[in-house]
């Protein structure tokens, strides 16, 4: 094996190790921010959780706020990717909407904490940041938030065009749906008193009501 090949293999292993450590830091920060709150979490707490010194975190993130913006961007990016994955292969627009809502509650405890952080700290994305890395992450999260809202509005508009959903302003309807869904994560906690499947059943029915879909009526229509 040539020395060049050895260096390439070493670089790939190093990149994988760095990627794994970065993901570990993000998971620890998400858990801390979701459980204890962003303001009450110290940068040193996260470092202790992943077994490194506080200064080592700066190799991966410029600041605690930079780390937060990456978490917010990851939360919206994952939500958008799941939305697109669910709707891409479903020609029945009502079923697509139903499946999107089912998928929106198929979350791990870490996913829930990330949603809690997104809802609690989304306002911090408003003011520009002087740090280039923080500003880049902030703008990415804001842009993806707009993309997710547009994806919802587009799907709802298509459903209206096909008569599957009552006509109204699709952008306002999208904001209403996302607003109710996001409100859940203001109070719901992983392993809380109310199981997630109970929350999902309750809110899914209300979200369908807001959209204007009667699941039983649509099943009868499909069966006819």
N, C-alpha and C. Protein backbone atom coordinates (compact mmCIF):
# COMPACT_ATOMS: atom_id res chain seq x y z
N UNK A 1 0.86 -1.20 0.00
CA UNK A 1 0.00 0.00 0.00
C UNK A 1 0.89 1.24 0.00
N UNK A 2 0.61 2.20 -0.86
CA UNK A 2 1.43 3.39 -1.00
C UNK A 2 1.21 4.32 0.19
N UNK A 3 2.19 5.22 0.39
CA UNK A 3 2.07 6.19 1.47
C UNK A 3 0.90 7.13 1.22
N UNK A 4 0.62 7.42 -0.07
CA UNK A 4 -0.51 8.29 -0.40
C UNK A 4 -1.82 7.65 0.02
N UNK A 5 -1.92 6.32 -0.24
CA UNK A 5 -3.13 5.59 0.15
C UNK A 5 -3.30 5.57 1.65
N UNK A 6 -2.18 5.39 2.37
CA UNK A 6 -2.23 5.40 3.84
C UNK A 6 -2.74 6.74 4.36
N UNK A 7 -2.26 7.83 3.75
CA UNK A 7 -2.69 9.16 4.17
C UNK A 7 -4.17 9.38 3.90
N UNK A 8 -4.63 8.90 2.71
CA UNK A 8 -6.05 9.05 2.37
C UNK A 8 -6.93 8.29 3.33
N UNK A 9 -6.51 7.04 3.66
CA UNK A 9 -7.29 6.24 4.61
C UNK A 9 -7.32 6.89 5.98
N UNK A 10 -6.19 7.43 6.38
CA UNK A 10 -6.13 8.11 7.67
C UNK A 10 -7.00 9.34 7.70
N UNK A 11 -7.03 10.08 6.59
CA UNK A 11 -7.87 11.28 6.52
C UNK A 11 -9.34 10.93 6.62
N UNK A 12 -9.73 9.83 5.94
CA UNK A 12 -11.14 9.41 5.99
C UNK A 12 -11.53 8.98 7.39
N UNK A 13 -10.63 8.22 8.06
CA UNK A 13 -10.92 7.80 9.42
C UNK A 13 -11.02 9.00 10.36
N UNK A 14 -10.13 9.97 10.16
CA UNK A 14 -10.17 11.18 10.97
C UNK A 14 -11.45 11.96 10.76
N UNK A 15 -11.90 12.04 9.49
CA UNK A 15 -13.13 12.76 9.18
C UNK A 15 -14.33 12.07 9.82
N UNK A 16 -14.33 10.71 9.78
CA UNK A 16 -15.42 9.97 10.40
C UNK A 16 -15.44 10.20 11.90
N UNK A 17 -14.25 10.19 12.52
CA UNK A 17 -14.16 10.40 13.97
C UNK A 17 -14.65 11.80 14.33
N UNK A 18 -14.24 12.79 13.55
CA UNK A 18 -14.68 14.17 13.81
C UNK A 18 -16.19 14.29 13.62
N UNK A 19 -16.72 13.64 12.57
CA UNK A 19 -18.16 13.69 12.33
C UNK A 19 -18.94 13.05 13.46
N UNK A 20 -18.41 11.94 13.99
CA UNK A 20 -19.09 11.26 15.09
C UNK A 20 -19.06 12.12 16.35
N UNK A 21 -17.94 12.76 16.61
CA UNK A 21 -17.85 13.61 17.81
C UNK A 21 -18.77 14.82 17.68
N UNK A 22 -18.84 15.40 16.49
CA UNK A 22 -19.73 16.54 16.27
C UNK A 22 -21.18 16.13 16.51
N UNK A 23 -21.56 14.96 15.99
CA UNK A 23 -22.92 14.47 16.18
C UNK A 23 -23.19 14.20 17.66
N UNK A 24 -22.19 13.72 18.39
CA UNK A 24 -22.34 13.47 19.83
C UNK A 24 -22.56 14.78 20.58
N UNK A 25 -21.82 15.82 20.19
CA UNK A 25 -21.98 17.13 20.82
C UNK A 25 -23.37 17.69 20.54
N UNK A 26 -23.82 17.57 19.30
CA UNK A 26 -25.15 18.07 18.95
C UNK A 26 -26.24 17.34 19.74
N UNK A 27 -26.08 16.02 19.89
CA UNK A 27 -27.08 15.24 20.64
C UNK A 27 -27.08 15.66 22.11
N UNK A 28 -25.89 15.85 22.69
CA UNK A 28 -25.81 16.26 24.09
C UNK A 28 -26.39 17.66 24.29
N UNK A 29 -26.08 18.57 23.36
CA UNK A 29 -26.61 19.93 23.45
C UNK A 29 -28.12 19.94 23.28
N UNK A 30 -28.63 19.13 22.36
CA UNK A 30 -30.08 19.05 22.15
C UNK A 30 -30.77 18.57 23.42
N UNK A 31 -30.22 17.54 24.04
CA UNK A 31 -30.81 17.00 25.27
C UNK A 31 -30.78 18.05 26.38
N UNK A 32 -29.66 18.75 26.53
CA UNK A 32 -29.54 19.78 27.56
C UNK A 32 -30.49 20.95 27.30
N UNK A 33 -30.49 21.46 26.06
CA UNK A 33 -31.34 22.62 25.74
C UNK A 33 -32.81 22.26 25.89
N UNK A 34 -33.18 21.04 25.46
CA UNK A 34 -34.57 20.63 25.54
C UNK A 34 -35.04 20.39 26.96
N UNK A 35 -34.15 19.86 27.78
CA UNK A 35 -34.52 19.52 29.16
C UNK A 35 -34.38 20.70 30.12
N UNK A 36 -33.23 21.41 30.03
CA UNK A 36 -32.91 22.46 31.00
C UNK A 36 -33.12 23.88 30.47
N UNK A 37 -33.27 24.01 29.14
CA UNK A 37 -33.40 25.33 28.54
C UNK A 37 -32.06 25.83 28.03
N UNK A 38 -32.10 26.57 26.94
CA UNK A 38 -30.87 27.06 26.32
C UNK A 38 -30.12 28.02 27.26
N UNK A 39 -30.82 28.97 27.84
CA UNK A 39 -30.17 29.98 28.68
C UNK A 39 -29.55 29.36 29.93
N UNK A 40 -30.17 28.32 30.46
CA UNK A 40 -29.68 27.72 31.71
C UNK A 40 -28.63 26.63 31.48
N UNK A 41 -28.31 26.36 30.24
CA UNK A 41 -27.29 25.37 29.93
C UNK A 41 -25.95 26.06 29.71
N UNK A 42 -24.94 25.59 30.41
CA UNK A 42 -23.59 26.14 30.23
C UNK A 42 -22.84 25.32 29.19
N UNK A 43 -21.97 26.01 28.46
CA UNK A 43 -21.14 25.35 27.45
C UNK A 43 -20.33 24.23 28.11
N UNK A 44 -19.90 24.46 29.34
CA UNK A 44 -19.11 23.46 30.06
C UNK A 44 -19.94 22.21 30.38
N UNK A 45 -21.27 22.38 30.56
CA UNK A 45 -22.13 21.22 30.82
C UNK A 45 -22.10 20.26 29.64
N UNK A 46 -22.18 20.82 28.44
CA UNK A 46 -22.18 20.00 27.23
C UNK A 46 -20.84 19.30 27.07
N UNK A 47 -19.76 20.05 27.33
CA UNK A 47 -18.43 19.46 27.24
C UNK A 47 -18.30 18.27 28.19
N UNK A 48 -18.80 18.43 29.42
CA UNK A 48 -18.73 17.34 30.39
C UNK A 48 -19.54 16.13 29.94
N UNK A 49 -20.68 16.38 29.30
CA UNK A 49 -21.53 15.28 28.84
C UNK A 49 -20.84 14.42 27.78
N UNK A 50 -19.99 15.04 26.97
CA UNK A 50 -19.32 14.27 25.90
C UNK A 50 -17.88 13.93 26.26
N UNK A 51 -17.45 14.31 27.47
CA UNK A 51 -16.14 13.90 27.95
C UNK A 51 -14.97 14.64 27.36
N UNK A 52 -15.15 15.94 27.08
CA UNK A 52 -14.05 16.76 26.57
C UNK A 52 -13.97 18.04 27.40
N UNK A 53 -12.88 18.76 27.26
CA UNK A 53 -12.76 20.05 27.91
C UNK A 53 -13.55 21.10 27.16
N UNK A 54 -14.01 22.15 27.84
CA UNK A 54 -14.82 23.18 27.18
C UNK A 54 -14.16 23.79 25.95
N UNK A 55 -12.85 23.96 25.99
CA UNK A 55 -12.18 24.58 24.83
C UNK A 55 -12.22 23.67 23.60
N UNK A 56 -12.34 22.35 23.82
CA UNK A 56 -12.38 21.43 22.68
C UNK A 56 -13.64 21.62 21.85
N UNK A 57 -14.72 22.14 22.45
CA UNK A 57 -15.96 22.35 21.70
C UNK A 57 -15.79 23.38 20.59
N UNK A 58 -14.84 24.30 20.80
CA UNK A 58 -14.66 25.37 19.81
C UNK A 58 -14.04 24.85 18.51
N UNK A 59 -13.54 23.64 18.55
CA UNK A 59 -13.07 23.02 17.30
C UNK A 59 -14.24 22.70 16.38
N UNK A 60 -15.41 22.47 16.98
CA UNK A 60 -16.58 22.07 16.21
C UNK A 60 -17.59 23.21 16.03
N UNK A 61 -17.71 24.06 17.05
CA UNK A 61 -18.69 25.15 17.01
C UNK A 61 -18.04 26.42 17.56
N UNK A 62 -18.37 27.52 16.95
CA UNK A 62 -17.76 28.79 17.35
C UNK A 62 -18.25 29.25 18.72
N UNK A 63 -19.48 28.86 19.07
CA UNK A 63 -20.08 29.31 20.31
C UNK A 63 -21.28 28.42 20.64
N UNK A 64 -21.83 28.62 21.82
CA UNK A 64 -23.05 27.91 22.19
C UNK A 64 -24.19 28.29 21.25
N UNK A 65 -24.22 29.57 20.85
CA UNK A 65 -25.29 30.02 19.95
C UNK A 65 -25.12 29.42 18.56
N UNK A 66 -23.89 29.29 18.09
CA UNK A 66 -23.65 28.63 16.81
C UNK A 66 -24.16 27.19 16.85
N UNK A 67 -23.87 26.50 17.95
CA UNK A 67 -24.36 25.13 18.13
C UNK A 67 -25.89 25.10 18.10
N UNK A 68 -26.52 26.06 18.78
CA UNK A 68 -27.98 26.13 18.79
C UNK A 68 -28.53 26.31 17.38
N UNK A 69 -27.95 27.22 16.60
CA UNK A 69 -28.45 27.47 15.25
C UNK A 69 -28.32 26.22 14.38
N UNK A 70 -27.26 25.46 14.57
CA UNK A 70 -27.09 24.21 13.82
C UNK A 70 -28.19 23.22 14.21
N UNK A 71 -28.51 23.15 15.50
CA UNK A 71 -29.59 22.27 15.95
C UNK A 71 -30.92 22.68 15.34
N UNK A 72 -31.22 23.98 15.33
CA UNK A 72 -32.47 24.46 14.75
C UNK A 72 -32.53 24.16 13.26
N UNK A 73 -31.42 24.37 12.57
CA UNK A 73 -31.37 24.08 11.13
C UNK A 73 -31.57 22.59 10.88
N UNK A 74 -30.92 21.75 11.69
CA UNK A 74 -31.07 20.30 11.54
C UNK A 74 -32.53 19.87 11.77
N UNK A 75 -33.20 20.49 12.74
CA UNK A 75 -34.59 20.13 13.04
C UNK A 75 -35.50 20.42 11.86
N UNK A 76 -35.34 21.61 11.26
CA UNK A 76 -36.19 21.97 10.13
C UNK A 76 -35.81 21.17 8.89
N UNK A 77 -34.50 20.96 8.69
CA UNK A 77 -34.05 20.18 7.53
C UNK A 77 -34.61 18.77 7.56
N UNK A 78 -34.59 18.15 8.74
CA UNK A 78 -35.12 16.79 8.88
C UNK A 78 -36.63 16.78 8.65
N UNK A 79 -37.34 17.78 9.18
CA UNK A 79 -38.79 17.84 8.99
C UNK A 79 -39.13 18.00 7.50
N UNK A 80 -38.37 18.84 6.80
CA UNK A 80 -38.62 19.05 5.38
C UNK A 80 -38.30 17.79 4.57
N UNK A 81 -37.20 17.13 4.91
CA UNK A 81 -36.82 15.90 4.19
C UNK A 81 -37.88 14.82 4.38
N UNK A 82 -38.39 14.70 5.59
CA UNK A 82 -39.43 13.70 5.86
C UNK A 82 -40.71 14.04 5.09
N UNK A 83 -41.07 15.31 5.08
CA UNK A 83 -42.26 15.76 4.35
C UNK A 83 -42.13 15.39 2.87
N UNK A 84 -41.00 15.69 2.29
CA UNK A 84 -40.79 15.42 0.86
C UNK A 84 -40.75 13.93 0.58
N UNK A 85 -40.16 13.17 1.49
CA UNK A 85 -40.08 11.71 1.30
C UNK A 85 -41.46 11.08 1.35
N UNK A 86 -42.30 11.52 2.26
CA UNK A 86 -43.65 10.95 2.41
C UNK A 86 -44.54 11.33 1.24
N UNK A 87 -44.48 12.58 0.78
CA UNK A 87 -45.40 13.05 -0.25
C UNK A 87 -44.97 12.72 -1.67
N UNK A 88 -43.69 12.41 -1.87
CA UNK A 88 -43.16 12.24 -3.23
C UNK A 88 -43.86 11.11 -3.99
N UNK A 89 -44.11 10.00 -3.32
CA UNK A 89 -44.66 8.85 -4.04
C UNK A 89 -46.13 8.59 -3.80
N UNK A 90 -46.88 9.59 -3.31
CA UNK A 90 -48.29 9.39 -2.99
C UNK A 90 -49.17 10.31 -3.85
N UNK A 91 -49.82 9.75 -4.89
CA UNK A 91 -50.65 10.58 -5.76
C UNK A 91 -51.97 11.02 -5.12
N UNK A 92 -52.46 10.25 -4.15
CA UNK A 92 -53.70 10.60 -3.45
C UNK A 92 -53.36 11.71 -2.45
N UNK A 93 -53.82 12.93 -2.72
CA UNK A 93 -53.41 14.08 -1.93
C UNK A 93 -53.93 14.03 -0.50
N UNK A 94 -55.14 13.50 -0.30
CA UNK A 94 -55.66 13.37 1.06
C UNK A 94 -54.84 12.35 1.84
N UNK A 95 -54.55 11.23 1.20
CA UNK A 95 -53.72 10.23 1.88
C UNK A 95 -52.33 10.78 2.16
N UNK A 96 -51.81 11.59 1.24
CA UNK A 96 -50.50 12.21 1.47
C UNK A 96 -50.52 13.08 2.72
N UNK A 97 -51.58 13.88 2.87
CA UNK A 97 -51.71 14.73 4.05
C UNK A 97 -51.83 13.89 5.32
N UNK A 98 -52.61 12.83 5.25
CA UNK A 98 -52.76 11.95 6.41
C UNK A 98 -51.43 11.31 6.78
N UNK A 99 -50.67 10.88 5.77
CA UNK A 99 -49.39 10.22 6.03
C UNK A 99 -48.36 11.20 6.57
N UNK A 100 -48.39 12.44 6.09
CA UNK A 100 -47.48 13.47 6.61
C UNK A 100 -47.74 13.68 8.10
N UNK A 101 -49.01 13.73 8.49
CA UNK A 101 -49.34 13.93 9.90
C UNK A 101 -48.98 12.71 10.74
N UNK A 102 -49.15 11.51 10.17
CA UNK A 102 -48.71 10.31 10.89
C UNK A 102 -47.20 10.37 11.13
N UNK A 103 -46.47 10.71 10.07
CA UNK A 103 -45.01 10.73 10.15
C UNK A 103 -44.52 11.80 11.11
N UNK A 104 -45.26 12.89 11.22
CA UNK A 104 -44.84 14.01 12.08
C UNK A 104 -44.77 13.63 13.55
N UNK A 105 -45.44 12.54 13.93
CA UNK A 105 -45.41 12.09 15.31
C UNK A 105 -44.56 10.83 15.50
N UNK A 106 -43.92 10.38 14.45
CA UNK A 106 -43.04 9.21 14.54
C UNK A 106 -41.65 9.70 14.94
N UNK A 107 -41.51 10.03 16.23
CA UNK A 107 -40.32 10.71 16.73
C UNK A 107 -39.66 9.93 17.86
N UNK A 108 -38.34 9.97 17.90
CA UNK A 108 -37.59 9.43 19.02
C UNK A 108 -37.57 10.47 20.15
N UNK A 109 -37.21 10.08 21.37
CA UNK A 109 -37.08 11.08 22.45
C UNK A 109 -36.14 12.23 22.09
N UNK A 110 -35.03 11.92 21.38
CA UNK A 110 -34.11 12.99 20.97
C UNK A 110 -34.76 13.90 19.93
N UNK A 111 -35.56 13.32 19.02
CA UNK A 111 -36.30 14.13 18.04
C UNK A 111 -37.24 15.10 18.77
N UNK A 112 -37.90 14.61 19.80
CA UNK A 112 -38.83 15.46 20.56
C UNK A 112 -38.07 16.61 21.22
N UNK A 113 -36.93 16.30 21.82
CA UNK A 113 -36.14 17.37 22.45
C UNK A 113 -35.71 18.40 21.42
N UNK A 114 -35.38 17.95 20.24
CA UNK A 114 -34.97 18.88 19.18
C UNK A 114 -36.14 19.77 18.77
N UNK A 115 -37.34 19.19 18.70
CA UNK A 115 -38.52 20.00 18.39
C UNK A 115 -38.80 21.00 19.51
N UNK A 116 -38.58 20.58 20.75
CA UNK A 116 -38.77 21.49 21.88
C UNK A 116 -37.81 22.67 21.79
N UNK A 117 -36.57 22.39 21.43
CA UNK A 117 -35.59 23.46 21.28
C UNK A 117 -35.98 24.39 20.13
N UNK A 118 -36.42 23.81 19.03
CA UNK A 118 -36.82 24.61 17.87
C UNK A 118 -37.93 25.58 18.23
N UNK A 119 -38.95 25.09 18.92
CA UNK A 119 -40.10 25.93 19.27
C UNK A 119 -39.71 26.99 20.30
N UNK A 120 -38.92 26.58 21.29
CA UNK A 120 -38.57 27.50 22.39
C UNK A 120 -37.61 28.60 21.95
N UNK A 121 -36.70 28.28 21.02
CA UNK A 121 -35.62 29.23 20.70
C UNK A 121 -35.69 29.78 19.28
N UNK A 122 -36.80 29.52 18.59
CA UNK A 122 -36.89 29.96 17.19
C UNK A 122 -36.76 31.49 17.07
N UNK A 123 -37.19 32.22 18.06
CA UNK A 123 -37.11 33.67 18.02
C UNK A 123 -35.69 34.19 17.92
N UNK A 124 -34.70 33.41 18.36
CA UNK A 124 -33.31 33.84 18.30
C UNK A 124 -32.78 33.88 16.88
N UNK A 125 -33.54 33.32 15.94
CA UNK A 125 -33.12 33.36 14.53
C UNK A 125 -33.39 34.71 13.88
N UNK A 126 -34.14 35.58 14.55
CA UNK A 126 -34.53 36.85 13.93
C UNK A 126 -33.37 37.84 13.77
N UNK A 127 -32.63 38.17 14.82
CA UNK A 127 -31.59 39.20 14.66
C UNK A 127 -30.34 38.67 13.97
N UNK A 128 -29.76 39.43 13.05
CA UNK A 128 -28.51 39.01 12.39
C UNK A 128 -27.37 38.88 13.40
N UNK A 129 -26.40 38.05 13.06
CA UNK A 129 -25.25 37.83 13.92
C UNK A 129 -23.99 38.39 13.26
N UNK A 130 -23.09 38.90 14.06
CA UNK A 130 -21.84 39.46 13.52
C UNK A 130 -20.84 38.38 13.16
N UNK A 131 -20.92 37.24 13.82
CA UNK A 131 -20.02 36.12 13.52
C UNK A 131 -20.43 35.46 12.20
N UNK A 132 -19.50 35.30 11.25
CA UNK A 132 -19.85 34.69 9.96
C UNK A 132 -20.44 33.28 10.09
N UNK A 133 -19.87 32.46 10.97
CA UNK A 133 -20.37 31.09 11.09
C UNK A 133 -21.75 31.06 11.74
N UNK A 134 -21.96 31.88 12.75
CA UNK A 134 -23.29 31.97 13.36
C UNK A 134 -24.30 32.49 12.36
N UNK A 135 -23.92 33.50 11.59
CA UNK A 135 -24.84 34.09 10.63
C UNK A 135 -25.19 33.11 9.51
N UNK A 136 -24.21 32.35 9.07
CA UNK A 136 -24.48 31.35 8.03
C UNK A 136 -25.48 30.30 8.52
N UNK A 137 -25.28 29.82 9.75
CA UNK A 137 -26.20 28.83 10.32
C UNK A 137 -27.58 29.43 10.56
N UNK A 138 -27.62 30.69 10.99
CA UNK A 138 -28.90 31.37 11.23
C UNK A 138 -29.68 31.50 9.93
N UNK A 139 -29.02 31.96 8.87
CA UNK A 139 -29.70 32.14 7.60
C UNK A 139 -30.16 30.81 7.02
N UNK A 140 -29.36 29.77 7.20
CA UNK A 140 -29.75 28.45 6.69
C UNK A 140 -31.03 27.97 7.37
N UNK A 141 -31.11 28.15 8.69
CA UNK A 141 -32.30 27.71 9.42
C UNK A 141 -33.53 28.52 9.02
N UNK A 142 -33.36 29.83 8.84
CA UNK A 142 -34.48 30.68 8.43
C UNK A 142 -34.97 30.30 7.02
N UNK A 143 -34.03 30.06 6.12
CA UNK A 143 -34.41 29.70 4.75
C UNK A 143 -35.14 28.37 4.71
N UNK A 144 -34.68 27.41 5.49
CA UNK A 144 -35.33 26.10 5.49
C UNK A 144 -36.71 26.18 6.13
N UNK A 145 -36.87 27.06 7.12
CA UNK A 145 -38.20 27.25 7.72
C UNK A 145 -39.19 27.74 6.68
N UNK A 146 -38.76 28.69 5.85
CA UNK A 146 -39.62 29.18 4.76
C UNK A 146 -39.91 28.06 3.75
N UNK A 147 -38.91 27.23 3.47
CA UNK A 147 -39.09 26.13 2.52
C UNK A 147 -40.13 25.13 3.04
N UNK A 148 -40.09 24.85 4.34
CA UNK A 148 -41.05 23.91 4.92
C UNK A 148 -42.46 24.47 4.85
N UNK A 149 -42.63 25.74 5.18
CA UNK A 149 -43.94 26.37 5.10
C UNK A 149 -44.46 26.37 3.66
N UNK A 150 -43.56 26.64 2.70
CA UNK A 150 -43.96 26.64 1.29
C UNK A 150 -44.35 25.25 0.83
N UNK A 151 -43.62 24.22 1.30
CA UNK A 151 -43.95 22.84 0.92
C UNK A 151 -45.35 22.48 1.40
N UNK A 152 -45.68 22.86 2.64
CA UNK A 152 -47.02 22.62 3.15
C UNK A 152 -48.07 23.38 2.35
N UNK A 153 -47.82 24.67 2.09
CA UNK A 153 -48.78 25.49 1.36
C UNK A 153 -49.00 24.95 -0.06
N UNK A 154 -47.94 24.47 -0.68
CA UNK A 154 -48.05 23.92 -2.04
C UNK A 154 -48.90 22.66 -2.06
N UNK A 155 -48.66 21.77 -1.10
CA UNK A 155 -49.45 20.53 -1.03
C UNK A 155 -50.92 20.85 -0.77
N UNK A 156 -51.17 21.78 0.14
CA UNK A 156 -52.55 22.15 0.45
C UNK A 156 -53.22 22.81 -0.76
N UNK A 157 -52.50 23.64 -1.49
CA UNK A 157 -53.06 24.29 -2.68
C UNK A 157 -53.42 23.25 -3.73
N UNK A 158 -52.57 22.25 -3.91
CA UNK A 158 -52.87 21.17 -4.86
C UNK A 158 -54.11 20.40 -4.44
N UNK A 159 -54.22 20.14 -3.13
CA UNK A 159 -55.39 19.43 -2.63
C UNK A 159 -56.66 20.25 -2.86
N UNK A 160 -56.57 21.57 -2.71
CA UNK A 160 -57.71 22.45 -2.98
C UNK A 160 -58.10 22.42 -4.45
N UNK A 161 -57.10 22.44 -5.33
CA UNK A 161 -57.37 22.41 -6.77
C UNK A 161 -58.10 21.14 -7.18
N UNK A 162 -57.83 20.04 -6.48
CA UNK A 162 -58.47 18.76 -6.80
C UNK A 162 -59.75 18.54 -6.00
N UNK A 163 -60.17 19.54 -5.23
CA UNK A 163 -61.41 19.41 -4.47
C UNK A 163 -61.31 18.53 -3.24
N UNK A 164 -60.10 18.20 -2.83
CA UNK A 164 -59.93 17.33 -1.68
C UNK A 164 -59.96 18.09 -0.36
N UNK A 165 -59.73 19.39 -0.43
CA UNK A 165 -59.69 20.26 0.75
C UNK A 165 -60.47 21.52 0.43
N UNK A 166 -61.30 22.04 1.34
CA UNK A 166 -62.04 23.28 1.08
C UNK A 166 -61.09 24.42 0.73
N UNK A 167 -61.51 25.25 -0.21
CA UNK A 167 -60.65 26.35 -0.67
C UNK A 167 -60.52 27.44 0.38
N UNK A 168 -59.30 27.91 0.54
CA UNK A 168 -58.98 29.06 1.40
C UNK A 168 -57.57 29.50 1.04
N UNK A 169 -56.99 30.39 1.80
CA UNK A 169 -55.62 30.83 1.55
C UNK A 169 -54.67 29.71 2.00
N UNK A 170 -53.97 29.05 1.08
CA UNK A 170 -53.14 27.90 1.47
C UNK A 170 -51.98 28.27 2.39
N UNK A 171 -51.45 29.49 2.23
CA UNK A 171 -50.34 29.89 3.10
C UNK A 171 -50.83 30.07 4.55
N UNK A 172 -52.00 30.70 4.71
CA UNK A 172 -52.54 30.86 6.05
C UNK A 172 -52.91 29.51 6.66
N UNK A 173 -53.44 28.62 5.84
CA UNK A 173 -53.80 27.29 6.34
C UNK A 173 -52.54 26.54 6.77
N UNK A 174 -51.47 26.64 5.97
CA UNK A 174 -50.20 25.99 6.32
C UNK A 174 -49.68 26.52 7.65
N UNK A 175 -49.77 27.83 7.83
CA UNK A 175 -49.30 28.42 9.09
C UNK A 175 -50.15 27.98 10.27
N UNK A 176 -51.46 27.80 10.03
CA UNK A 176 -52.35 27.33 11.10
C UNK A 176 -51.99 25.91 11.51
N UNK A 177 -51.75 25.05 10.53
CA UNK A 177 -51.39 23.66 10.80
C UNK A 177 -50.07 23.58 11.54
N UNK A 178 -49.07 24.29 11.02
CA UNK A 178 -47.75 24.26 11.65
C UNK A 178 -47.79 24.89 13.04
N UNK A 179 -48.62 25.93 13.20
CA UNK A 179 -48.72 26.58 14.51
C UNK A 179 -49.28 25.65 15.57
N UNK A 180 -50.34 24.92 15.24
CA UNK A 180 -50.91 23.98 16.21
C UNK A 180 -49.93 22.84 16.49
N UNK A 181 -49.32 22.32 15.44
CA UNK A 181 -48.36 21.22 15.62
C UNK A 181 -47.20 21.66 16.50
N UNK A 182 -46.64 22.83 16.23
CA UNK A 182 -45.49 23.29 17.01
C UNK A 182 -45.84 23.56 18.47
N UNK A 183 -47.10 23.93 18.71
CA UNK A 183 -47.51 24.23 20.09
C UNK A 183 -47.39 23.02 21.00
N UNK A 184 -47.45 21.83 20.43
CA UNK A 184 -47.35 20.61 21.23
C UNK A 184 -46.02 20.57 21.98
N UNK A 185 -44.97 21.00 21.30
CA UNK A 185 -43.63 20.84 21.86
C UNK A 185 -43.29 21.91 22.90
N UNK A 186 -44.23 22.82 23.14
CA UNK A 186 -44.04 23.77 24.24
C UNK A 186 -44.28 23.11 25.59
N UNK A 187 -45.09 22.05 25.60
CA UNK A 187 -45.42 21.42 26.88
C UNK A 187 -45.10 19.93 26.94
N UNK A 188 -45.07 19.27 25.78
CA UNK A 188 -44.83 17.82 25.81
C UNK A 188 -43.35 17.53 26.08
N UNK A 189 -43.12 16.53 26.93
CA UNK A 189 -41.76 16.10 27.23
C UNK A 189 -41.65 14.59 27.02
N UNK A 190 -40.50 14.14 26.55
CA UNK A 190 -40.32 12.68 26.40
C UNK A 190 -40.55 11.97 27.73
N UNK A 191 -41.21 10.84 27.66
CA UNK A 191 -41.47 10.01 28.85
C UNK A 191 -42.31 10.76 29.89
N UNK A 192 -43.16 11.67 29.42
CA UNK A 192 -44.04 12.40 30.32
C UNK A 192 -45.26 11.58 30.71
N UNK A 193 -46.19 12.24 31.38
CA UNK A 193 -47.39 11.55 31.86
C UNK A 193 -48.25 11.05 30.70
N UNK A 194 -48.36 11.87 29.64
CA UNK A 194 -49.18 11.50 28.49
C UNK A 194 -48.29 10.88 27.41
N UNK A 195 -48.54 9.63 27.01
CA UNK A 195 -47.71 8.99 25.99
C UNK A 195 -47.84 9.72 24.64
N UNK A 196 -46.79 9.63 23.84
CA UNK A 196 -46.78 10.33 22.56
C UNK A 196 -47.86 9.81 21.62
N UNK A 197 -48.18 8.52 21.68
CA UNK A 197 -49.21 8.00 20.77
C UNK A 197 -50.58 8.57 21.10
N UNK A 198 -50.84 8.87 22.39
CA UNK A 198 -52.10 9.50 22.77
C UNK A 198 -52.14 10.94 22.27
N UNK A 199 -51.04 11.65 22.42
CA UNK A 199 -50.93 13.02 21.91
C UNK A 199 -51.13 13.02 20.40
N UNK A 200 -50.48 12.08 19.71
CA UNK A 200 -50.57 12.00 18.25
C UNK A 200 -52.01 11.78 17.80
N UNK A 201 -52.72 10.86 18.46
CA UNK A 201 -54.10 10.57 18.09
C UNK A 201 -54.99 11.79 18.27
N UNK A 202 -54.82 12.49 19.38
CA UNK A 202 -55.65 13.66 19.68
C UNK A 202 -55.38 14.79 18.68
N UNK A 203 -54.12 15.12 18.49
CA UNK A 203 -53.78 16.28 17.65
C UNK A 203 -53.93 15.98 16.17
N UNK A 204 -53.70 14.74 15.78
CA UNK A 204 -53.86 14.40 14.37
C UNK A 204 -55.29 14.66 13.92
N UNK A 205 -56.26 14.28 14.76
CA UNK A 205 -57.67 14.51 14.42
C UNK A 205 -57.97 16.00 14.32
N UNK A 206 -57.41 16.80 15.22
CA UNK A 206 -57.66 18.26 15.19
C UNK A 206 -56.98 18.91 14.00
N UNK A 207 -55.80 18.43 13.65
CA UNK A 207 -55.10 18.97 12.48
C UNK A 207 -55.86 18.67 11.20
N UNK A 208 -56.40 17.47 11.10
CA UNK A 208 -57.22 17.13 9.93
C UNK A 208 -58.47 18.00 9.88
N UNK A 209 -59.06 18.30 11.04
CA UNK A 209 -60.22 19.19 11.10
C UNK A 209 -59.86 20.58 10.57
N UNK A 210 -58.71 21.10 10.98
CA UNK A 210 -58.29 22.41 10.52
C UNK A 210 -58.12 22.42 9.00
N UNK A 211 -57.52 21.35 8.49
CA UNK A 211 -57.32 21.26 7.03
C UNK A 211 -58.64 21.12 6.30
N UNK A 212 -59.63 20.49 6.95
CA UNK A 212 -60.93 20.30 6.33
C UNK A 212 -61.14 18.90 5.80
N UNK A 213 -60.45 17.94 6.41
CA UNK A 213 -60.55 16.54 5.98
C UNK A 213 -61.30 15.75 7.03
N UNK A 214 -62.33 15.04 6.59
CA UNK A 214 -63.06 14.09 7.44
C UNK A 214 -62.56 12.70 7.07
N UNK A 215 -61.67 12.09 7.88
CA UNK A 215 -61.08 10.80 7.51
C UNK A 215 -62.11 9.72 7.20
N UNK A 216 -63.19 9.65 7.99
CA UNK A 216 -64.20 8.62 7.76
C UNK A 216 -64.91 8.84 6.44
N UNK A 217 -65.23 10.10 6.16
CA UNK A 217 -65.92 10.42 4.89
C UNK A 217 -65.03 10.09 3.71
N UNK A 218 -63.73 10.37 3.81
CA UNK A 218 -62.83 10.10 2.70
C UNK A 218 -62.67 8.60 2.48
N UNK A 219 -62.66 7.80 3.56
CA UNK A 219 -62.57 6.35 3.41
C UNK A 219 -63.83 5.81 2.73
N UNK A 220 -64.99 6.36 3.10
CA UNK A 220 -66.23 5.94 2.45
C UNK A 220 -66.21 6.29 0.96
N UNK A 221 -65.66 7.48 0.64
CA UNK A 221 -65.58 7.92 -0.75
C UNK A 221 -64.67 7.01 -1.56
N UNK A 222 -63.53 6.63 -0.94
CA UNK A 222 -62.60 5.75 -1.65
C UNK A 222 -63.20 4.37 -1.88
N UNK A 223 -64.01 3.90 -0.91
CA UNK A 223 -64.58 2.57 -1.00
C UNK A 223 -65.75 2.50 -1.98
N UNK A 224 -66.35 3.66 -2.28
CA UNK A 224 -67.53 3.70 -3.14
C UNK A 224 -67.19 3.34 -4.58
